[in-house]
Structures are given as C-alpha cells and as structure tokens.
Amino acid sequence: MKKLLMALLFTPVIALASGASVHLDKAPDVQGDKAALQSGARTFVNYCLNCHGTSFVRYNRLTDLGLTEQQVKENLMFTAVKTGETMRIAARPDEQKIWFGAAPPDLSLVARARASEDGSGADWLYTYLRSFYVDEARPTGWNNTLFANVGMPHVLWQLQGQQVLNKDHHLELAVPGTLTPAEYDKQIGDLVGFLVWIAEPDAGFRRKIGFGVLAFLVLLFAVAYPLKKAYWKDVK
C-alpha cells in the first residue's frame, strides 16, 4: 500500500518535471458506451494486466459494463479464481524489477493522477499510448515522444505497427500493424475509456444523482418562489 501511494503521489510530478507545456490529443469520451468499455476491458486484460494491476477494482465490478459473471470468468479472468478478487498482475514484482528496473505502477487511479493543466488524464494516456517509436538506443528498443526514455516497452506494437521519428522529429508509421491507424486509435480510445471508468466506476451514477438533485431544486424553487411572494405581498 505504501509503494502504491508513493507511485500515485509522484506520477503527476514526473509528468510535469520539465515544466514545459505539452500537446495532448483529445481522448474520445466513451463512458456511456458499454460496448466500447467492454472492448477496453479486453484490451487491458490481454495486453496490460501482465504487468499493471488495478488493485482497487474487483472483477465483479465488470458486470456494471453489461457483462455477466460467467462472461467475466470465461473471457477476462486469467489471474484470479473468484470474481470477488482484485485485478492483480500475472507477473511477480521481483521479476518486474529485473526486467524493467522497477515494478510497473498500479493503474487503478492513473486516469486521475495524470490530469494536468495540459489536459485530462484520459488525454495524457490517449496521447502516450499512440506515441511510441523505435529507438535502438533504449534497452527495450522503444521510446516515447510524450514520456521520453520511458522504461515501458510498446506492448501494443503488433497492433499499431512500428513508428519512427522522421527528420522533422515527427512520428510516422514505418511498418504497419495488424490494425489501421484509425482502428488502433479506436482501440486505444476504448482502453483509455476503461481506465477512466475503473478510476471511478460510480461516476455515471454520481452524475445522475447530481442532475436529479438539480432538477429537484429547480422544482422546489418553482413552488417556493410563488409562496414567498404570496406570503410577503402584504408586508411593506
């Protein structure tokens, strides 16, 4: 728990250490699209959960996305036995320290922790996951234009393909992946949407409650104001 809290505290500091403003692409908002969130959950489980856990989220919360517990067990549970267990990583932390120099952080709150004056945490993640390029000077063979010298390899390279920096230091696709650029952007949008959802699964319900409270206050005002006028009409 102590290591998790430290990682969350220092995540935004690392992102802004240079003090320079960065351009972030706008992430699509898929919070109301259960099919997109289910797609994001599949991508997360298949490509991210090997290294990054979400210790604040249990598998049974995925039923909120329109999945049955049986579907969760059959298609999304590879590191747990019961749906009440948290989404823990498949690799061991000591192995990760050897491979990457440090254990990859828990992603339960990454969509909130990465928010800055440059954009939302979703925007940061959406840009980051589309900004890897081949760099033979790096131990993993990959680098990132948003997070320079990042220790994370490009685990989605087979989907996106291999990007390189051209002479103008802009990204260009040198070797296509199994997805077209538009398809890859869509899949990353779904993945980021899922990370936004797990950071606050009840956000949609909270918004509904908020709108309901505002509607009640409007109705209350509509009744109370005429009563007030009628009560004070003879008072001078």
Protein backbone atom coordinates (compact mmCIF):
# COMPACT_ATOMS: atom_id res chain seq x y z
CA MET A 1 0.00 0.00 0.00
CA LYS A 2 2.83 2.39 0.87
CA LYS A 3 4.51 1.80 -2.50
CA LEU A 4 1.20 2.33 -4.31
CA LEU A 5 0.57 5.64 -2.56
CA MET A 6 4.08 6.83 -3.34
CA ALA A 7 3.65 5.92 -7.01
CA LEU A 8 0.37 7.81 -7.23
CA LEU A 9 1.81 10.85 -5.47
CA PHE A 10 4.83 11.11 -7.74
CA THR A 11 3.15 10.22 -11.05
CA PRO A 12 1.99 13.77 -11.92
CA VAL A 13 5.29 15.22 -10.65
CA ILE A 14 7.24 13.10 -13.11
CA ALA A 15 4.95 14.09 -15.96
CA LEU A 16 5.47 17.80 -15.26
CA ALA A 17 9.08 17.71 -14.17
CA SER A 18 10.26 19.56 -17.26
CA GLY A 19 7.90 22.44 -16.51
CA ALA A 20 7.11 22.75 -20.21
CA SER A 21 3.64 22.58 -21.67
CA VAL A 22 2.94 19.55 -23.85
CA HIS A 23 0.37 18.94 -26.55
CA LEU A 24 -2.17 16.27 -25.69
CA ASP A 25 -4.61 14.81 -28.18
CA LYS A 26 -8.22 14.80 -27.03
CA ALA A 27 -9.34 11.35 -25.92
CA PRO A 28 -12.78 10.21 -27.07
CA ASP A 29 -15.43 10.07 -24.36
CA VAL A 30 -16.83 6.54 -24.31
CA GLN A 31 -18.18 6.46 -20.75
CA GLY A 32 -21.75 5.93 -21.92
CA ASP A 33 -20.79 3.24 -24.43
CA LYS A 34 -20.75 -0.16 -22.71
CA ALA A 35 -19.56 -1.94 -25.87
CA ALA A 36 -16.53 0.37 -26.04
CA LEU A 37 -15.79 -0.13 -22.34
CA GLN A 38 -16.04 -3.91 -22.76
CA SER A 39 -13.59 -3.63 -25.66
CA GLY A 40 -11.27 -1.59 -23.45
CA ALA A 41 -11.51 -4.21 -20.71
CA ARG A 42 -10.50 -6.95 -23.18
CA THR A 43 -7.50 -4.92 -24.35
CA PHE A 44 -6.47 -4.19 -20.78
CA VAL A 45 -6.66 -7.82 -19.69
CA ASN A 46 -4.84 -9.12 -22.78
CA TYR A 47 -2.08 -6.53 -23.04
CA CYS A 48 -1.76 -4.61 -19.76
CA LEU A 49 -2.62 -6.93 -16.90
CA ASN A 50 0.58 -8.92 -17.38
CA CYS A 51 2.46 -6.03 -15.77
CA HIS A 52 -0.05 -3.49 -14.43
CA GLY A 53 -2.65 -4.39 -11.84
CA THR A 54 -5.71 -2.45 -10.71
CA SER A 55 -5.79 -3.33 -7.03
CA PHE A 56 -8.75 -1.04 -6.28
CA VAL A 57 -11.07 -2.88 -8.71
CA ARG A 58 -12.61 -6.32 -8.37
CA TYR A 59 -13.61 -8.48 -11.32
CA ASN A 60 -17.25 -8.49 -10.29
CA ARG A 61 -17.43 -4.72 -10.95
CA LEU A 62 -17.11 -5.54 -14.65
CA THR A 63 -20.72 -6.71 -14.56
CA ASP A 64 -21.58 -2.99 -14.41
CA LEU A 65 -20.44 -2.86 -18.04
CA GLY A 66 -23.19 -5.22 -19.13
CA LEU A 67 -21.22 -8.46 -18.75
CA THR A 68 -22.42 -11.49 -16.82
CA GLU A 69 -20.20 -13.07 -14.16
CA GLN A 70 -19.85 -16.10 -16.43
CA GLN A 71 -18.59 -13.93 -19.29
CA VAL A 72 -16.12 -12.28 -16.95
CA LYS A 73 -14.85 -15.66 -15.75
CA GLU A 74 -14.52 -17.13 -19.23
CA ASN A 75 -13.06 -14.15 -21.08
CA LEU A 76 -11.37 -11.76 -18.65
CA MET A 77 -10.18 -13.69 -15.59
CA PHE A 78 -6.69 -15.11 -16.10
CA THR A 79 -5.05 -14.23 -12.77
CA ALA A 80 -7.87 -14.98 -10.33
CA VAL A 81 -10.30 -17.72 -9.34
CA LYS A 82 -13.21 -15.80 -7.84
CA THR A 83 -14.89 -12.72 -9.30
CA GLY A 84 -14.60 -11.02 -5.92
CA GLU A 85 -10.81 -10.90 -6.26
CA THR A 86 -8.99 -7.77 -7.38
CA MET A 87 -7.44 -7.48 -10.84
CA ARG A 88 -3.90 -8.38 -9.85
CA ILE A 89 -0.94 -8.80 -12.17
CA ALA A 90 0.25 -12.07 -13.63
CA ALA A 91 3.98 -11.35 -13.23
CA ARG A 92 5.77 -11.21 -9.88
CA PRO A 93 7.09 -7.82 -8.65
CA ASP A 94 10.63 -9.21 -8.20
CA GLU A 95 10.63 -10.36 -11.82
CA GLN A 96 9.41 -6.97 -12.98
CA LYS A 97 12.23 -5.20 -11.13
CA ILE A 98 14.74 -7.33 -13.02
CA TRP A 99 13.06 -6.78 -16.39
CA PHE A 100 12.25 -3.07 -16.14
CA GLY A 101 14.39 -1.77 -13.27
CA ALA A 102 11.24 -1.07 -11.22
CA ALA A 103 7.86 -2.67 -10.80
CA PRO A 104 5.27 -1.05 -13.13
CA PRO A 105 2.73 1.06 -11.19
CA ASP A 106 -0.79 0.09 -10.31
CA LEU A 107 -3.24 1.68 -12.77
CA SER A 108 -6.34 1.97 -10.58
CA LEU A 109 -6.15 5.77 -10.46
CA VAL A 110 -3.80 6.57 -13.35
CA ALA A 111 -6.52 8.33 -15.36
CA ARG A 112 -6.96 10.79 -12.50
CA ALA A 113 -3.31 11.06 -11.47
CA ARG A 114 -2.17 12.06 -14.97
CA ALA A 115 -4.50 15.06 -15.22
CA SER A 116 -2.72 18.41 -15.55
CA GLU A 117 -3.21 21.91 -16.92
CA ASP A 118 -2.39 20.48 -20.36
CA GLY A 119 -5.41 18.18 -20.36
CA SER A 120 -7.20 15.38 -18.61
CA GLY A 121 -5.62 12.12 -17.54
CA ALA A 122 -7.52 10.46 -20.38
CA ASP A 123 -5.93 12.86 -22.87
CA TRP A 124 -2.47 12.05 -21.49
CA LEU A 125 -3.00 8.30 -21.72
CA TYR A 126 -4.53 8.54 -25.19
CA THR A 127 -1.55 10.53 -26.46
CA TYR A 128 1.03 8.41 -24.66
CA LEU A 129 -0.22 5.06 -25.97
CA ARG A 130 -0.08 6.39 -29.54
CA SER A 131 3.37 7.99 -29.28
CA PHE A 132 5.81 5.08 -29.10
CA TYR A 133 8.56 4.86 -31.69
CA VAL A 134 11.51 2.59 -32.43
CA ASP A 135 14.69 3.64 -30.62
CA GLU A 136 17.55 1.15 -30.73
CA ALA A 137 19.43 3.16 -28.12
CA ARG A 138 16.88 2.24 -25.47
CA PRO A 139 17.07 -1.08 -23.56
CA THR A 140 13.55 -2.06 -24.67
CA GLY A 141 14.05 -0.85 -28.23
CA TRP A 142 11.28 1.73 -27.79
CA ASN A 143 10.91 5.35 -26.75
CA ASN A 144 8.01 7.75 -26.45
CA THR A 145 7.65 11.35 -27.60
CA LEU A 146 5.40 12.24 -24.65
CA PHE A 147 7.35 10.40 -21.94
CA ALA A 148 10.97 10.48 -23.04
CA ASN A 149 13.14 7.47 -22.09
CA VAL A 150 10.22 5.65 -20.54
CA GLY A 151 11.05 2.18 -19.25
CA MET A 152 7.84 0.65 -20.59
CA PRO A 153 8.11 -1.25 -23.91
CA HIS A 154 5.48 -0.79 -26.60
CA VAL A 155 3.33 -3.81 -25.79
CA LEU A 156 0.78 -2.89 -28.45
CA TRP A 157 3.27 -2.61 -31.33
CA GLN A 158 1.83 -5.58 -33.19
CA LEU A 159 -1.48 -3.74 -33.38
CA GLN A 160 -0.13 -0.30 -34.22
CA GLY A 161 2.99 -1.26 -36.12
CA GLN A 162 6.38 0.42 -35.82
CA GLN A 163 6.61 4.19 -35.76
CA VAL A 164 9.85 6.13 -36.29
CA LEU A 165 10.89 9.74 -35.91
CA ASN A 166 11.43 11.48 -39.24
CA LYS A 167 13.96 14.26 -39.85
CA ASP A 168 11.45 16.80 -38.53
CA HIS A 169 11.10 14.77 -35.32
CA HIS A 170 7.53 13.84 -36.16
CA LEU A 171 6.14 10.35 -35.86
CA GLU A 172 5.49 8.36 -38.99
CA LEU A 173 4.42 4.75 -39.48
CA ALA A 174 7.29 2.76 -40.98
CA VAL A 175 5.88 -0.76 -40.59
CA PRO A 176 2.09 -1.21 -40.49
CA GLY A 177 0.49 -3.27 -37.74
CA THR A 178 -2.50 -5.57 -37.80
CA LEU A 179 -4.81 -2.56 -37.34
CA THR A 180 -5.16 0.52 -39.47
CA PRO A 181 -4.25 3.82 -37.74
CA ALA A 182 -7.97 4.62 -37.33
CA GLU A 183 -8.68 1.17 -35.88
CA TYR A 184 -5.74 1.48 -33.50
CA ASP A 185 -6.87 4.91 -32.33
CA LYS A 186 -10.34 3.46 -31.70
CA GLN A 187 -8.93 0.56 -29.67
CA ILE A 188 -6.75 2.91 -27.63
CA GLY A 189 -9.77 5.17 -27.06
CA ASP A 190 -11.68 2.19 -25.70
CA LEU A 191 -8.75 1.18 -23.48
CA VAL A 192 -8.36 4.70 -22.09
CA GLY A 193 -12.11 4.85 -21.52
CA PHE A 194 -11.86 1.68 -19.45
CA LEU A 195 -9.01 3.16 -17.39
CA VAL A 196 -11.15 6.25 -16.80
CA TRP A 197 -14.04 4.04 -15.72
CA ILE A 198 -12.01 1.96 -13.24
CA ALA A 199 -10.67 5.17 -11.65
CA GLU A 200 -14.25 5.99 -10.63
CA PRO A 201 -16.76 3.25 -11.55
CA ASP A 202 -19.65 5.11 -9.89
CA ALA A 203 -19.05 8.38 -11.73
CA GLY A 204 -22.06 7.85 -14.02
CA PHE A 205 -24.37 7.14 -11.08
CA ARG A 206 -22.99 10.18 -9.24
CA ARG A 207 -23.75 12.40 -12.24
CA LYS A 208 -27.30 11.07 -12.41
CA ILE A 209 -27.79 11.82 -8.72
CA GLY A 210 -26.39 15.32 -9.28
CA PHE A 211 -28.77 16.02 -12.15
CA GLY A 212 -31.65 14.68 -10.06
CA VAL A 213 -30.76 16.99 -7.18
CA LEU A 214 -30.55 19.99 -9.53
CA ALA A 215 -33.92 19.11 -11.05
CA PHE A 216 -35.45 18.84 -7.57
CA LEU A 217 -34.04 22.25 -6.60
CA VAL A 218 -35.49 23.81 -9.76
CA LEU A 219 -38.92 22.37 -8.97
CA LEU A 220 -38.62 23.46 -5.35
CA PHE A 221 -37.78 26.98 -6.46
CA ALA A 222 -40.77 27.00 -8.84
CA VAL A 223 -43.06 26.22 -5.88
CA ALA A 224 -41.29 28.20 -3.17
CA TYR A 225 -40.98 31.49 -5.06
CA PRO A 226 -44.75 31.99 -5.61
CA LEU A 227 -45.32 31.05 -1.97
CA LYS A 228 -42.76 33.62 -0.90
CA LYS A 229 -44.45 36.31 -3.00
CA ALA A 230 -47.87 35.41 -1.64
CA TYR A 231 -46.60 35.44 1.96
CA TRP A 232 -44.89 38.82 1.70
CA LYS A 233 -47.34 40.62 -0.57
CA ASP A 234 -48.99 42.49 2.33
CA VAL A 235 -45.74 43.20 4.12
CA LYS A 236 -44.27 46.61 3.42
